[in-house]
Amino acid sequence: MKARATVLGALVLAAALPAAADRPLSAVELFVQRDKGYCISCHQLPAGVGPASTSNVGPRLEGARMRALGKAAIRAAIVDPTAANADTLMPPYGRHRILDDQEIDRIVEFLNGLP
């Protein structure tokens, strides 16, 4: 009987907590998640913004540079970087549906707001 009560209590508690799949991933989560953006494998962020990385395959993502590019260019580079550079190593996250439109929007806003 006590075991059933423990199992029932665990089920009630699990139902009350929001599952990670029930909420959209933040831009930083997308930036580091292997099955999504995983941008951190190639790019560095400014110190203190997200996880530290020594990656240098892609350019360092600095706020001034991102704002100079503009949101439309950042978005285009995420959706299909091969449109601007056929030899790029960066995957076409939008064209291959690795990221959906809302996830791309979150990453664009994040990059545009970098210090």
Protein backbone atom coordinates (compact mmCIF):
# COMPACT_ATOMS: atom_id res chain seq x y z
CA MET A 1 0.00 0.00 0.00
CA LYS A 2 2.81 2.41 0.91
CA ALA A 3 4.54 1.68 -2.43
CA ARG A 4 1.34 2.56 -4.33
CA ALA A 5 1.04 5.83 -2.45
CA THR A 6 4.64 6.68 -3.28
CA VAL A 7 4.12 5.91 -6.98
CA LEU A 8 0.87 7.89 -7.02
CA GLY A 9 2.56 10.83 -5.31
CA ALA A 10 5.39 10.77 -7.86
CA LEU A 11 2.90 10.73 -10.73
CA VAL A 12 0.97 13.68 -9.31
CA LEU A 13 4.19 15.64 -8.80
CA ALA A 14 5.40 14.83 -12.33
CA ALA A 15 2.09 15.99 -13.78
CA ALA A 16 2.34 19.29 -11.90
CA LEU A 17 5.83 20.14 -13.18
CA PRO A 18 6.15 21.52 -16.72
CA ALA A 19 8.13 19.18 -18.93
CA ALA A 20 10.97 20.65 -20.96
CA ALA A 21 9.11 19.62 -24.11
CA ASP A 22 6.11 21.72 -23.01
CA ARG A 23 7.99 25.00 -23.29
CA PRO A 24 9.96 26.48 -26.15
CA LEU A 25 13.73 26.33 -25.83
CA SER A 26 15.47 29.61 -25.15
CA ALA A 27 17.93 30.98 -27.69
CA VAL A 28 20.84 29.96 -25.46
CA GLU A 29 19.44 26.43 -25.15
CA LEU A 30 19.11 26.26 -28.94
CA PHE A 31 22.64 27.62 -29.25
CA VAL A 32 24.07 24.69 -27.25
CA GLN A 33 21.66 21.83 -27.94
CA ARG A 34 23.14 19.19 -30.25
CA ASP A 35 19.91 18.33 -32.06
CA LYS A 36 19.04 21.97 -32.69
CA GLY A 37 21.37 24.86 -33.43
CA TYR A 38 24.50 23.66 -31.63
CA CYS A 39 26.05 26.95 -32.73
CA ILE A 40 28.54 26.71 -29.86
CA SER A 41 30.38 23.96 -31.73
CA CYS A 42 31.61 26.54 -34.27
CA HIS A 43 31.04 30.01 -32.76
CA GLN A 44 32.10 31.90 -29.64
CA LEU A 45 29.91 34.29 -27.68
CA PRO A 46 31.03 37.37 -25.77
CA ALA A 47 32.27 36.57 -22.26
CA GLY A 48 29.50 36.18 -19.71
CA VAL A 49 26.68 35.80 -22.25
CA GLY A 50 26.59 32.05 -22.50
CA PRO A 51 28.84 29.07 -22.23
CA ALA A 52 32.52 29.62 -22.96
CA SER A 53 33.89 28.04 -26.10
CA THR A 54 37.20 27.99 -27.92
CA SER A 55 35.53 27.14 -31.22
CA ASN A 56 36.80 29.08 -34.18
CA VAL A 57 35.29 27.36 -37.22
CA GLY A 58 32.81 30.21 -37.62
CA PRO A 59 33.25 33.87 -36.73
CA ARG A 60 33.01 35.10 -33.14
CA LEU A 61 29.48 36.43 -32.59
CA GLU A 62 29.83 39.97 -31.27
CA GLY A 63 26.90 42.33 -30.75
CA ALA A 64 28.20 45.25 -32.82
CA ARG A 65 28.91 42.95 -35.76
CA MET A 66 25.50 41.28 -35.46
CA ARG A 67 23.67 44.62 -35.36
CA ALA A 68 25.69 45.85 -38.36
CA LEU A 69 24.55 42.79 -40.30
CA GLY A 70 20.92 43.37 -39.34
CA LYS A 71 18.20 40.93 -38.41
CA ALA A 72 17.30 40.04 -42.00
CA ALA A 73 20.89 39.06 -42.86
CA ILE A 74 21.30 37.09 -39.63
CA ARG A 75 18.05 35.26 -40.34
CA ALA A 76 19.08 34.51 -43.93
CA ALA A 77 22.42 33.15 -42.72
CA ILE A 78 20.65 30.78 -40.33
CA VAL A 79 17.89 29.70 -42.73
CA ASP A 80 20.22 28.93 -45.64
CA PRO A 81 23.82 30.12 -45.50
CA THR A 82 24.54 28.33 -48.77
CA ALA A 83 22.57 31.04 -50.59
CA ALA A 84 25.39 33.51 -49.83
CA ASN A 85 28.29 31.04 -49.76
CA ALA A 86 27.97 27.67 -51.47
CA ASP A 87 31.14 26.44 -49.74
CA THR A 88 30.09 27.25 -46.17
CA LEU A 89 30.34 24.61 -43.48
CA MET A 90 27.29 26.03 -41.70
CA PRO A 91 24.20 23.86 -42.12
CA PRO A 92 21.03 25.37 -43.59
CA TYR A 93 19.05 25.19 -40.34
CA GLY A 94 15.82 26.51 -41.79
CA ARG A 95 15.94 24.82 -45.19
CA HIS A 96 16.68 21.46 -43.56
CA ARG A 97 14.07 22.11 -40.85
CA ILE A 98 16.57 21.68 -38.03
CA LEU A 99 15.11 24.86 -36.52
CA ASP A 100 11.56 26.07 -37.02
CA ASP A 101 10.66 29.71 -37.75
CA GLN A 102 10.06 30.58 -34.09
CA GLU A 103 13.37 29.06 -33.02
CA ILE A 104 15.19 30.99 -35.73
CA ASP A 105 13.44 34.18 -34.59
CA ARG A 106 14.61 33.59 -31.00
CA ILE A 107 18.21 33.08 -32.13
CA VAL A 108 18.08 36.19 -34.36
CA GLU A 109 16.83 38.31 -31.44
CA PHE A 110 19.48 36.81 -29.16
CA LEU A 111 22.32 37.51 -31.62
CA ASN A 112 21.07 41.00 -32.38
CA GLY A 113 21.02 41.76 -28.63
CA LEU A 114 24.53 40.57 -27.85
CA PRO A 115 26.85 43.04 -26.11
